[in-house]
């Protein structure tokens, strides 16, 4: 990191009209290099295909193949209690666009900043996933129990992007552990895992060839790449540095990130942070609340 960078997390208040949004940046230095998924570490499969129960555009509700665009599955029982931002949940919705929510399913395909969603959300890679191409994998669900406790794993293996593109592909997963899970040292209650990450934005979010922005990307521009992090549904969030900016796929590729939760509030590891000028540039994309999703035809 640049000389003089300070340690710890950065919490920034962002004005949105008369409201104030508190957004904490998770530094990229918290990412751990990794070329395997959590299911690989455990020696288990990714589980069963998630059948969609609702959504937008081409959700394929009830389709056994699980192939869809803008669909979601749920509510899905955790089988345990999970607390996020002070609220305890026993079920969740798995949204095909790379995130999970808790009050209802989410068919939105363009992030407006994780802290700007209208309900609590956890996003390993919130972008316009489209699994209709035969070359794409589909979202899957696995449950796992051990002496440490119970956990749920949502995997998006080799998934494509809108509009039904099958090359390049992305592979990532989310781990959610019960409130009483005995967390091993160096891990956390929520885990993000990424391996191959070839694209970062669908065409309905402004993306061009290869699932990338042709020019500058970010909230408030014509192209909005993926967002990674947590939002409480009340304009507050914990967002990975570089979210919704060009290059986020390269940032997370072949990495993992464990996040501890205390009372459901993410705890950011004390790592080096960027210089203030770099941070401000990042916030212009990651924290802006402007912009709206384009309608799909």
C-alpha atoms as a PDB file:
ATOM      1  CA  UNK A   1       0.000   0.000   0.000  1.00  0.00           C
ATOM      2  CA  UNK A   2       1.145   3.606  -0.413  1.00  0.00           C
ATOM      3  CA  UNK A   3       3.455   5.016   2.226  1.00  0.00           C
ATOM      4  CA  UNK A   4       1.558   6.709   5.017  1.00  0.00           C
ATOM      5  CA  UNK A   5      -1.607   4.641   4.560  1.00  0.00           C
ATOM      6  CA  UNK A   6      -3.422   4.293   7.856  1.00  0.00           C
ATOM      7  CA  UNK A   7      -4.671   1.057   9.386  1.00  0.00           C
ATOM      8  CA  UNK A   8      -8.236   0.023  10.165  1.00  0.00           C
ATOM      9  CA  UNK A   9     -11.532   0.500   8.381  1.00  0.00           C
ATOM     10  CA  UNK A  10     -12.954   3.707   6.995  1.00  0.00           C
ATOM     11  CA  UNK A  11     -16.515   4.772   7.734  1.00  0.00           C
ATOM     12  CA  UNK A  12     -17.842   7.576   5.554  1.00  0.00           C
ATOM     13  CA  UNK A  13     -21.115   9.490   5.803  1.00  0.00           C
ATOM     14  CA  UNK A  14     -22.648  10.201   2.421  1.00  0.00           C
ATOM     15  CA  UNK A  15     -25.400  12.758   1.951  1.00  0.00           C
ATOM     16  CA  UNK A  16     -28.452  11.538   0.029  1.00  0.00           C
ATOM     17  CA  UNK A  17     -30.875  14.437   0.137  1.00  0.00           C
ATOM     18  CA  UNK A  18     -31.556  14.976   3.818  1.00  0.00           C
ATOM     19  CA  UNK A  19     -30.435  11.473   4.778  1.00  0.00           C
ATOM     20  CA  UNK A  20     -26.972  10.314   5.760  1.00  0.00           C
ATOM     21  CA  UNK A  21     -25.659   6.917   4.688  1.00  0.00           C
ATOM     22  CA  UNK A  22     -22.811   5.382   6.669  1.00  0.00           C
ATOM     23  CA  UNK A  23     -20.684   3.160   4.456  1.00  0.00           C
ATOM     24  CA  UNK A  24     -17.631   1.262   5.656  1.00  0.00           C
ATOM     25  CA  UNK A  25     -15.015   0.235   3.117  1.00  0.00           C
ATOM     26  CA  UNK A  26     -13.620  -3.303   3.295  1.00  0.00           C
ATOM     27  CA  UNK A  27     -10.028  -2.954   2.020  1.00  0.00           C
ATOM     28  CA  UNK A  28      -8.781  -5.187  -0.756  1.00  0.00           C
ATOM     29  CA  UNK A  29      -5.901  -6.105   1.530  1.00  0.00           C
ATOM     30  CA  UNK A  30      -8.406  -8.207   3.507  1.00  0.00           C
ATOM     31  CA  UNK A  31      -8.721 -10.580   0.536  1.00  0.00           C
ATOM     32  CA  UNK A  32      -6.822 -13.866   0.805  1.00  0.00           C
ATOM     33  CA  UNK A  33      -5.403 -15.491  -2.353  1.00  0.00           C
ATOM     34  CA  UNK A  34      -7.196 -18.776  -3.099  1.00  0.00           C
ATOM     35  CA  UNK A  35      -7.846 -20.922  -6.161  1.00  0.00           C
ATOM     36  CA  UNK A  36     -10.415 -23.239  -4.551  1.00  0.00           C
ATOM     37  CA  UNK A  37     -14.008 -22.926  -3.438  1.00  0.00           C
ATOM     38  CA  UNK A  38     -15.120 -23.635   0.119  1.00  0.00           C
ATOM     39  CA  UNK A  39     -16.889 -26.781  -1.048  1.00  0.00           C
ATOM     40  CA  UNK A  40     -13.550 -27.970  -2.436  1.00  0.00           C
ATOM     41  CA  UNK A  41     -11.963 -27.380   0.955  1.00  0.00           C
ATOM     42  CA  UNK A  42     -14.679 -29.484   2.582  1.00  0.00           C
ATOM     43  CA  UNK A  43     -14.514 -32.190  -0.080  1.00  0.00           C
ATOM     44  CA  UNK A  44     -18.236 -31.927  -0.844  1.00  0.00           C
ATOM     45  CA  UNK A  45     -20.314 -31.054  -3.893  1.00  0.00           C
ATOM     46  CA  UNK A  46     -22.113 -27.773  -4.503  1.00  0.00           C
ATOM     47  CA  UNK A  47     -25.487 -29.329  -3.715  1.00  0.00           C
ATOM     48  CA  UNK A  48     -28.803 -29.103  -5.504  1.00  0.00           C
ATOM     49  CA  UNK A  49     -29.972 -26.813  -8.281  1.00  0.00           C
ATOM     50  CA  UNK A  50     -32.051 -23.921  -6.965  1.00  0.00           C
ATOM     51  CA  UNK A  51     -35.468 -23.793  -8.599  1.00  0.00           C
ATOM     52  CA  UNK A  52     -36.791 -20.267  -9.045  1.00  0.00           C
ATOM     53  CA  UNK A  53     -39.943 -19.229  -7.195  1.00  0.00           C
ATOM     54  CA  UNK A  54     -40.182 -15.685  -8.536  1.00  0.00           C
ATOM     55  CA  UNK A  55     -38.365 -12.854 -10.262  1.00  0.00           C
ATOM     56  CA  UNK A  56     -38.335 -10.728 -13.380  1.00  0.00           C
ATOM     57  CA  UNK A  57     -37.601 -10.899 -17.122  1.00  0.00           C
ATOM     58  CA  UNK A  58     -37.116 -14.665 -17.727  1.00  0.00           C
ATOM     59  CA  UNK A  59     -37.193 -16.099 -14.219  1.00  0.00           C
ATOM     60  CA  UNK A  60     -38.262 -19.593 -15.367  1.00  0.00           C
ATOM     61  CA  UNK A  61     -40.330 -20.007 -12.196  1.00  0.00           C
ATOM     62  CA  UNK A  62     -40.619 -23.666 -11.276  1.00  0.00           C
ATOM     63  CA  UNK A  63     -38.249 -24.824 -14.012  1.00  0.00           C
ATOM     64  CA  UNK A  64     -36.276 -27.834 -12.781  1.00  0.00           C
ATOM     65  CA  UNK A  65     -33.215 -26.800 -14.808  1.00  0.00           C
ATOM     66  CA  UNK A  66     -32.761 -23.668 -12.705  1.00  0.00           C
ATOM     67  CA  UNK A  67     -31.785 -21.699 -15.819  1.00  0.00           C
ATOM     68  CA  UNK A  68     -33.094 -18.161 -15.599  1.00  0.00           C
ATOM     69  CA  UNK A  69     -32.544 -14.450 -15.803  1.00  0.00           C
ATOM     70  CA  UNK A  70     -33.407 -12.200 -12.831  1.00  0.00           C
ATOM     71  CA  UNK A  71     -35.017 -15.044 -10.880  1.00  0.00           C
ATOM     72  CA  UNK A  72     -34.861 -15.895  -7.197  1.00  0.00           C
ATOM     73  CA  UNK A  73     -35.551 -18.891  -4.986  1.00  0.00           C
ATOM     74  CA  UNK A  74     -37.131 -18.786  -1.578  1.00  0.00           C
ATOM     75  CA  UNK A  75     -37.891 -18.373   1.149  1.00  0.00           C
ATOM     76  CA  UNK A  76     -35.284 -21.016   1.970  1.00  0.00           C
ATOM     77  CA  UNK A  77     -34.960 -22.219   5.561  1.00  0.00           C
ATOM     78  CA  UNK A  78     -31.518 -21.829   7.076  1.00  0.00           C
ATOM     79  CA  UNK A  79     -32.177 -24.522   9.655  1.00  0.00           C
ATOM     80  CA  UNK A  80     -30.635 -22.145  12.196  1.00  0.00           C
ATOM     81  CA  UNK A  81     -30.714 -18.551  13.413  1.00  0.00           C
ATOM     82  CA  UNK A  82     -28.692 -15.965  11.515  1.00  0.00           C
ATOM     83  CA  UNK A  83     -28.439 -12.359  12.698  1.00  0.00           C
ATOM     84  CA  UNK A  84     -27.672  -9.466  10.363  1.00  0.00           C
ATOM     85  CA  UNK A  85     -27.689  -5.821  11.428  1.00  0.00           C
ATOM     86  CA  UNK A  86     -29.564  -6.641  14.636  1.00  0.00           C
ATOM     87  CA  UNK A  87     -32.328  -8.725  13.042  1.00  0.00           C
ATOM     88  CA  UNK A  88     -32.425 -12.510  13.389  1.00  0.00           C
ATOM     89  CA  UNK A  89     -33.572 -14.550  10.395  1.00  0.00           C
ATOM     90  CA  UNK A  90     -34.482 -18.204   9.937  1.00  0.00           C
ATOM     91  CA  UNK A  91     -34.815 -18.065   6.143  1.00  0.00           C
ATOM     92  CA  UNK A  92     -33.511 -16.170   3.122  1.00  0.00           C
ATOM     93  CA  UNK A  93     -33.966 -15.638  -0.619  1.00  0.00           C
ATOM     94  CA  UNK A  94     -31.207 -16.661  -3.039  1.00  0.00           C
ATOM     95  CA  UNK A  95     -31.182 -14.199  -5.938  1.00  0.00           C
ATOM     96  CA  UNK A  96     -29.700 -15.271  -9.256  1.00  0.00           C
ATOM     97  CA  UNK A  97     -27.973 -11.900  -9.655  1.00  0.00           C
ATOM     98  CA  UNK A  98     -25.310 -12.807  -7.131  1.00  0.00           C
ATOM     99  CA  UNK A  99     -26.785 -11.977  -3.723  1.00  0.00           C
ATOM    100  CA  UNK A 100     -29.117 -13.104  -0.949  1.00  0.00           C
ATOM    101  CA  UNK A 101     -31.835 -11.076   0.776  1.00  0.00           C
ATOM    102  CA  UNK A 102     -34.106 -11.653   3.737  1.00  0.00           C
ATOM    103  CA  UNK A 103     -37.457  -9.893   3.454  1.00  0.00           C
ATOM    104  CA  UNK A 104     -38.257 -10.870  -0.140  1.00  0.00           C
ATOM    105  CA  UNK A 105     -36.593 -11.921  -3.355  1.00  0.00           C
ATOM    106  CA  UNK A 106     -34.641  -9.375  -5.398  1.00  0.00           C
ATOM    107  CA  UNK A 107     -34.787  -9.360  -9.197  1.00  0.00           C
ATOM    108  CA  UNK A 108     -32.789  -6.123  -9.623  1.00  0.00           C
ATOM    109  CA  UNK A 109     -29.835  -6.659 -11.943  1.00  0.00           C
ATOM    110  CA  UNK A 110     -27.909  -3.377 -11.682  1.00  0.00           C
ATOM    111  CA  UNK A 111     -26.418  -2.474  -8.284  1.00  0.00           C
ATOM    112  CA  UNK A 112     -27.152   1.022  -7.023  1.00  0.00           C
ATOM    113  CA  UNK A 113     -24.613   0.625  -4.231  1.00  0.00           C
ATOM    114  CA  UNK A 114     -25.207  -2.178  -1.730  1.00  0.00           C
ATOM    115  CA  UNK A 115     -26.073   0.364   0.945  1.00  0.00           C
ATOM    116  CA  UNK A 116     -28.850   1.655  -1.312  1.00  0.00           C
ATOM    117  CA  UNK A 117     -30.959  -1.506  -1.485  1.00  0.00           C
ATOM    118  CA  UNK A 118     -34.351  -1.392   0.217  1.00  0.00           C
ATOM    119  CA  UNK A 119     -33.780  -4.544   2.249  1.00  0.00           C
ATOM    120  CA  UNK A 120     -30.866  -6.287   3.963  1.00  0.00           C
ATOM    121  CA  UNK A 121     -28.558  -7.909   1.419  1.00  0.00           C
ATOM    122  CA  UNK A 122     -25.315  -9.902   1.277  1.00  0.00           C
ATOM    123  CA  UNK A 123     -23.608  -9.862  -2.105  1.00  0.00           C
ATOM    124  CA  UNK A 124     -20.594 -11.931  -3.092  1.00  0.00           C
ATOM    125  CA  UNK A 125     -20.952 -10.495  -6.631  1.00  0.00           C
ATOM    126  CA  UNK A 126     -24.113  -8.493  -7.361  1.00  0.00           C
ATOM    127  CA  UNK A 127     -24.288  -8.212 -11.151  1.00  0.00           C
ATOM    128  CA  UNK A 128     -26.539  -9.312 -14.014  1.00  0.00           C
ATOM    129  CA  UNK A 129     -26.081 -13.091 -13.917  1.00  0.00           C
ATOM    130  CA  UNK A 130     -27.936 -14.893 -16.721  1.00  0.00           C
ATOM    131  CA  UNK A 131     -27.794 -18.702 -16.749  1.00  0.00           C
ATOM    132  CA  UNK A 132     -29.951 -19.358 -19.828  1.00  0.00           C
ATOM    133  CA  UNK A 133     -26.996 -20.189 -22.080  1.00  0.00           C
ATOM    134  CA  UNK A 134     -26.285 -23.940 -22.211  1.00  0.00           C
ATOM    135  CA  UNK A 135     -22.609 -23.237 -21.424  1.00  0.00           C
ATOM    136  CA  UNK A 136     -23.550 -21.618 -18.101  1.00  0.00           C
ATOM    137  CA  UNK A 137     -23.885 -23.388 -14.808  1.00  0.00           C
ATOM    138  CA  UNK A 138     -26.820 -22.691 -12.480  1.00  0.00           C
ATOM    139  CA  UNK A 139     -27.142 -21.474  -8.894  1.00  0.00           C
ATOM    140  CA  UNK A 140     -26.951 -24.305  -6.374  1.00  0.00           C
ATOM    141  CA  UNK A 141     -27.574 -24.771  -2.647  1.00  0.00           C
ATOM    142  CA  UNK A 142     -25.653 -26.938  -0.192  1.00  0.00           C
ATOM    143  CA  UNK A 143     -26.121 -27.371   3.549  1.00  0.00           C
ATOM    144  CA  UNK A 144     -23.326 -28.611   5.763  1.00  0.00           C
ATOM    145  CA  UNK A 145     -23.108 -29.640   9.414  1.00  0.00           C
ATOM    146  CA  UNK A 146     -20.041 -30.360  11.509  1.00  0.00           C
ATOM    147  CA  UNK A 147     -18.981 -30.290  15.134  1.00  0.00           C
ATOM    148  CA  UNK A 148     -18.489 -26.540  14.727  1.00  0.00           C
ATOM    149  CA  UNK A 149     -22.103 -25.938  13.703  1.00  0.00           C
ATOM    150  CA  UNK A 150     -24.378 -25.560  10.684  1.00  0.00           C
ATOM    151  CA  UNK A 151     -23.814 -23.566   7.515  1.00  0.00           C
ATOM    152  CA  UNK A 152     -25.471 -22.877   4.169  1.00  0.00           C
ATOM    153  CA  UNK A 153     -23.502 -22.530   0.930  1.00  0.00           C
ATOM    154  CA  UNK A 154     -24.873 -20.834  -2.202  1.00  0.00           C
ATOM    155  CA  UNK A 155     -22.744 -21.411  -5.304  1.00  0.00           C
ATOM    156  CA  UNK A 156     -22.868 -19.839  -8.760  1.00  0.00           C
ATOM    157  CA  UNK A 157     -20.541 -22.102 -10.788  1.00  0.00           C
ATOM    158  CA  UNK A 158     -19.347 -20.969 -14.216  1.00  0.00           C
ATOM    159  CA  UNK A 159     -22.287 -18.631 -14.726  1.00  0.00           C
ATOM    160  CA  UNK A 160     -22.878 -16.352 -17.690  1.00  0.00           C
ATOM    161  CA  UNK A 161     -24.249 -12.843 -17.955  1.00  0.00           C
ATOM    162  CA  UNK A 162     -27.036 -10.924 -19.705  1.00  0.00           C
ATOM    163  CA  UNK A 163     -28.067 -11.315 -22.470  1.00  0.00           C
ATOM    164  CA  UNK A 164     -27.712 -15.144 -22.262  1.00  0.00           C
ATOM    165  CA  UNK A 165     -23.943 -14.982 -22.765  1.00  0.00           C
ATOM    166  CA  UNK A 166     -21.897 -18.130 -22.122  1.00  0.00           C
ATOM    167  CA  UNK A 167     -18.368 -16.776 -22.449  1.00  0.00           C
ATOM    168  CA  UNK A 168     -16.563 -15.651 -20.353  1.00  0.00           C
ATOM    169  CA  UNK A 169     -17.924 -17.163 -17.128  1.00  0.00           C
ATOM    170  CA  UNK A 170     -17.746 -16.475 -13.382  1.00  0.00           C
ATOM    171  CA  UNK A 171     -17.528 -18.865 -10.423  1.00  0.00           C
ATOM    172  CA  UNK A 172     -18.197 -17.699  -6.867  1.00  0.00           C
ATOM    173  CA  UNK A 173     -19.987 -18.734  -3.697  1.00  0.00           C
ATOM    174  CA  UNK A 174     -21.312 -17.462  -0.377  1.00  0.00           C
ATOM    175  CA  UNK A 175     -21.062 -19.213   2.999  1.00  0.00           C
ATOM    176  CA  UNK A 176     -23.466 -18.306   5.827  1.00  0.00           C
ATOM    177  CA  UNK A 177     -22.926 -19.811   9.290  1.00  0.00           C
ATOM    178  CA  UNK A 178     -25.287 -20.048  12.242  1.00  0.00           C
ATOM    179  CA  UNK A 179     -25.136 -17.542  15.091  1.00  0.00           C
ATOM    180  CA  UNK A 180     -23.725 -20.233  17.404  1.00  0.00           C
ATOM    181  CA  UNK A 181     -21.121 -21.535  14.959  1.00  0.00           C
ATOM    182  CA  UNK A 182     -17.717 -22.163  16.529  1.00  0.00           C
ATOM    183  CA  UNK A 183     -15.701 -19.987  14.152  1.00  0.00           C
ATOM    184  CA  UNK A 184     -12.169 -21.275  13.412  1.00  0.00           C
ATOM    185  CA  UNK A 185      -9.330 -18.810  13.759  1.00  0.00           C
ATOM    186  CA  UNK A 186      -8.858 -16.755  10.620  1.00  0.00           C
ATOM    187  CA  UNK A 187     -12.378 -17.364   9.350  1.00  0.00           C
ATOM    188  CA  UNK A 188     -15.759 -15.686   9.945  1.00  0.00           C
ATOM    189  CA  UNK A 189     -19.512 -16.125   9.965  1.00  0.00           C
ATOM    190  CA  UNK A 190     -19.880 -15.070   6.321  1.00  0.00           C
ATOM    191  CA  UNK A 191     -17.501 -16.149   3.588  1.00  0.00           C
ATOM    192  CA  UNK A 192     -17.063 -15.019  -0.024  1.00  0.00           C
ATOM    193  CA  UNK A 193     -15.106 -17.258  -2.415  1.00  0.00           C
ATOM    194  CA  UNK A 194     -14.189 -16.471  -6.040  1.00  0.00           C
ATOM    195  CA  UNK A 195     -12.217 -18.469  -8.595  1.00  0.00           C
ATOM    196  CA  UNK A 196     -12.516 -17.734 -12.348  1.00  0.00           C
ATOM    197  CA  UNK A 197     -14.109 -14.285 -12.797  1.00  0.00           C
ATOM    198  CA  UNK A 198     -14.235 -13.338 -16.463  1.00  0.00           C
ATOM    199  CA  UNK A 199     -16.984 -10.687 -16.587  1.00  0.00           C
ATOM    200  CA  UNK A 200     -18.337  -7.927 -14.340  1.00  0.00           C
ATOM    201  CA  UNK A 201     -21.359  -6.301 -16.016  1.00  0.00           C
ATOM    202  CA  UNK A 202     -24.271  -7.324 -18.244  1.00  0.00           C
ATOM    203  CA  UNK A 203     -25.346  -5.417 -21.340  1.00  0.00           C
ATOM    204  CA  UNK A 204     -28.523  -4.074 -19.655  1.00  0.00           C
ATOM    205  CA  UNK A 205     -26.231  -2.471 -17.055  1.00  0.00           C
ATOM    206  CA  UNK A 206     -24.126  -0.838 -19.757  1.00  0.00           C
ATOM    207  CA  UNK A 207     -21.629  -3.601 -20.428  1.00  0.00           C
ATOM    208  CA  UNK A 208     -20.010  -4.235 -23.770  1.00  0.00           C
ATOM    209  CA  UNK A 209     -18.234  -7.174 -25.331  1.00  0.00           C
ATOM    210  CA  UNK A 210     -16.899  -9.691 -22.825  1.00  0.00           C
ATOM    211  CA  UNK A 211     -19.051  -8.345 -19.988  1.00  0.00           C
ATOM    212  CA  UNK A 212     -16.867  -5.284 -19.365  1.00  0.00           C
ATOM    213  CA  UNK A 213     -17.437  -1.538 -19.481  1.00  0.00           C
ATOM    214  CA  UNK A 214     -16.223   0.064 -22.713  1.00  0.00           C
ATOM    215  CA  UNK A 215     -15.424   3.316 -20.911  1.00  0.00           C
ATOM    216  CA  UNK A 216     -15.530   4.519 -17.331  1.00  0.00           C
ATOM    217  CA  UNK A 217     -17.835   2.544 -15.067  1.00  0.00           C
ATOM    218  CA  UNK A 218     -19.459   3.270 -11.734  1.00  0.00           C
ATOM    219  CA  UNK A 219     -22.674   4.355 -10.047  1.00  0.00           C
ATOM    220  CA  UNK A 220     -24.073   7.322 -11.956  1.00  0.00           C
ATOM    221  CA  UNK A 221     -22.360   6.396 -15.223  1.00  0.00           C
ATOM    222  CA  UNK A 222     -23.759   4.482 -18.172  1.00  0.00           C
ATOM    223  CA  UNK A 223     -22.018   1.273 -17.055  1.00  0.00           C
ATOM    224  CA  UNK A 224     -22.217  -0.204 -13.550  1.00  0.00           C
ATOM    225  CA  UNK A 225     -19.976  -3.195 -12.675  1.00  0.00           C
ATOM    226  CA  UNK A 226     -20.638  -5.603  -9.818  1.00  0.00           C
ATOM    227  CA  UNK A 227     -20.935  -4.734  -6.127  1.00  0.00           C
ATOM    228  CA  UNK A 228     -19.524  -6.841  -3.284  1.00  0.00           C
ATOM    229  CA  UNK A 229     -20.482  -6.526   0.380  1.00  0.00           C
ATOM    230  CA  UNK A 230     -23.318  -6.056   2.858  1.00  0.00           C
ATOM    231  CA  UNK A 231     -26.238  -3.618   3.076  1.00  0.00           C
ATOM    232  CA  UNK A 232     -28.764  -3.107   5.877  1.00  0.00           C
ATOM    233  CA  UNK A 233     -31.623  -1.829   3.713  1.00  0.00           C
ATOM    234  CA  UNK A 234     -31.440   1.577   5.387  1.00  0.00           C
ATOM    235  CA  UNK A 235     -28.689   3.135   3.262  1.00  0.00           C
ATOM    236  CA  UNK A 236     -25.827   1.786   5.369  1.00  0.00           C
ATOM    237  CA  UNK A 237     -23.352  -0.804   4.203  1.00  0.00           C
ATOM    238  CA  UNK A 238     -19.986  -2.526   4.186  1.00  0.00           C
ATOM    239  CA  UNK A 239     -18.569  -2.523   0.661  1.00  0.00           C
ATOM    240  CA  UNK A 240     -15.407  -4.062  -0.765  1.00  0.00           C
ATOM    241  CA  UNK A 241     -12.984  -1.469  -2.080  1.00  0.00           C
ATOM    242  CA  UNK A 242     -13.442  -1.229  -5.853  1.00  0.00           C
ATOM    243  CA  UNK A 243     -17.092  -2.314  -5.896  1.00  0.00           C
ATOM    244  CA  UNK A 244     -19.099  -0.976  -8.868  1.00  0.00           C
ATOM    245  CA  UNK A 245     -15.878   0.181 -10.542  1.00  0.00           C
ATOM    246  CA  UNK A 246     -14.047  -1.200 -13.562  1.00  0.00           C
ATOM    247  CA  UNK A 247     -11.786  -4.087 -12.618  1.00  0.00           C
ATOM    248  CA  UNK A 248     -13.777  -5.541  -9.695  1.00  0.00           C
ATOM    249  CA  UNK A 249     -13.734  -9.004 -11.313  1.00  0.00           C
ATOM    250  CA  UNK A 250      -9.926  -8.925 -11.448  1.00  0.00           C
ATOM    251  CA  UNK A 251      -9.809  -7.744  -7.837  1.00  0.00           C
ATOM    252  CA  UNK A 252     -11.726 -10.734  -6.472  1.00  0.00           C
ATOM    253  CA  UNK A 253     -10.603 -13.446  -8.910  1.00  0.00           C
ATOM    254  CA  UNK A 254      -8.878 -16.337  -7.102  1.00  0.00           C
ATOM    255  CA  UNK A 255      -9.482 -14.872  -3.631  1.00  0.00           C
ATOM    256  CA  UNK A 256     -11.579 -15.497  -0.562  1.00  0.00           C
ATOM    257  CA  UNK A 257     -12.865 -13.184   2.163  1.00  0.00           C
ATOM    258  CA  UNK A 258     -14.129 -14.171   5.608  1.00  0.00           C
ATOM    259  CA  UNK A 259     -16.109 -11.574   7.563  1.00  0.00           C
ATOM    260  CA  UNK A 260     -16.957 -11.825  11.268  1.00  0.00           C
ATOM    261  CA  UNK A 261     -20.319 -10.569  12.490  1.00  0.00           C
ATOM    262  CA  UNK A 262     -20.900  -9.137  15.972  1.00  0.00           C
ATOM    263  CA  UNK A 263     -24.587  -8.669  16.675  1.00  0.00           C
ATOM    264  CA  UNK A 264     -24.978  -9.143  12.952  1.00  0.00           C
ATOM    265  CA  UNK A 265     -22.686  -6.200  12.157  1.00  0.00           C
ATOM    266  CA  UNK A 266     -19.715  -6.944   9.869  1.00  0.00           C
ATOM    267  CA  UNK A 267     -16.310  -6.487  11.480  1.00  0.00           C
ATOM    268  CA  UNK A 268     -13.713  -5.203   9.032  1.00  0.00           C
ATOM    269  CA  UNK A 269     -10.205  -6.661   9.468  1.00  0.00           C
ATOM    270  CA  UNK A 270      -7.584  -4.095  10.425  1.00  0.00           C
ATOM    271  CA  UNK A 271      -5.632  -3.876   7.217  1.00  0.00           C
ATOM    272  CA  UNK A 272      -3.885  -1.117   5.332  1.00  0.00           C
ATOM    273  CA  UNK A 273      -6.162   1.388   3.629  1.00  0.00           C
ATOM    274  CA  UNK A 274      -5.589   3.561   0.530  1.00  0.00           C
ATOM    275  CA  UNK A 275      -4.390   7.127   0.688  1.00  0.00           C
ATOM    276  CA  UNK A 276      -7.256   9.646   1.089  1.00  0.00           C
ATOM    277  CA  UNK A 277      -7.142  10.657  -2.597  1.00  0.00           C
ATOM    278  CA  UNK A 278      -7.491   7.046  -3.704  1.00  0.00           C
ATOM    279  CA  UNK A 279     -10.296   6.492  -1.228  1.00  0.00           C
ATOM    280  CA  UNK A 280     -12.246   9.484  -2.531  1.00  0.00           C
ATOM    281  CA  UNK A 281     -11.926   8.215  -6.094  1.00  0.00           C
ATOM    282  CA  UNK A 282     -13.220   4.832  -5.004  1.00  0.00           C
ATOM    283  CA  UNK A 283     -16.128   6.344  -3.094  1.00  0.00           C
ATOM    284  CA  UNK A 284     -17.287   8.195  -6.183  1.00  0.00           C
ATOM    285  CA  UNK A 285     -18.283   4.832  -7.611  1.00  0.00           C
ATOM    286  CA  UNK A 286     -18.957   2.685  -4.573  1.00  0.00           C
ATOM    287  CA  UNK A 287     -21.010   5.071  -2.476  1.00  0.00           C
ATOM    288  CA  UNK A 288     -23.014   7.161  -4.924  1.00  0.00           C
ATOM    289  CA  UNK A 289     -26.733   6.641  -4.665  1.00  0.00           C
ATOM    290  CA  UNK A 290     -27.737   7.936  -8.087  1.00  0.00           C
ATOM    291  CA  UNK A 291     -28.654   5.933 -11.135  1.00  0.00           C
ATOM    292  CA  UNK A 292     -31.436   3.523 -11.907  1.00  0.00           C
ATOM    293  CA  UNK A 293     -31.616   0.092 -13.559  1.00  0.00           C
ATOM    294  CA  UNK A 294     -32.429  -0.037 -17.247  1.00  0.00           C
ATOM    295  CA  UNK A 295     -35.511  -1.978 -18.266  1.00  0.00           C
ATOM    296  CA  UNK A 296     -34.889  -5.255 -20.060  1.00  0.00           C
ATOM    297  CA  UNK A 297     -36.891  -6.076 -23.137  1.00  0.00           C
END
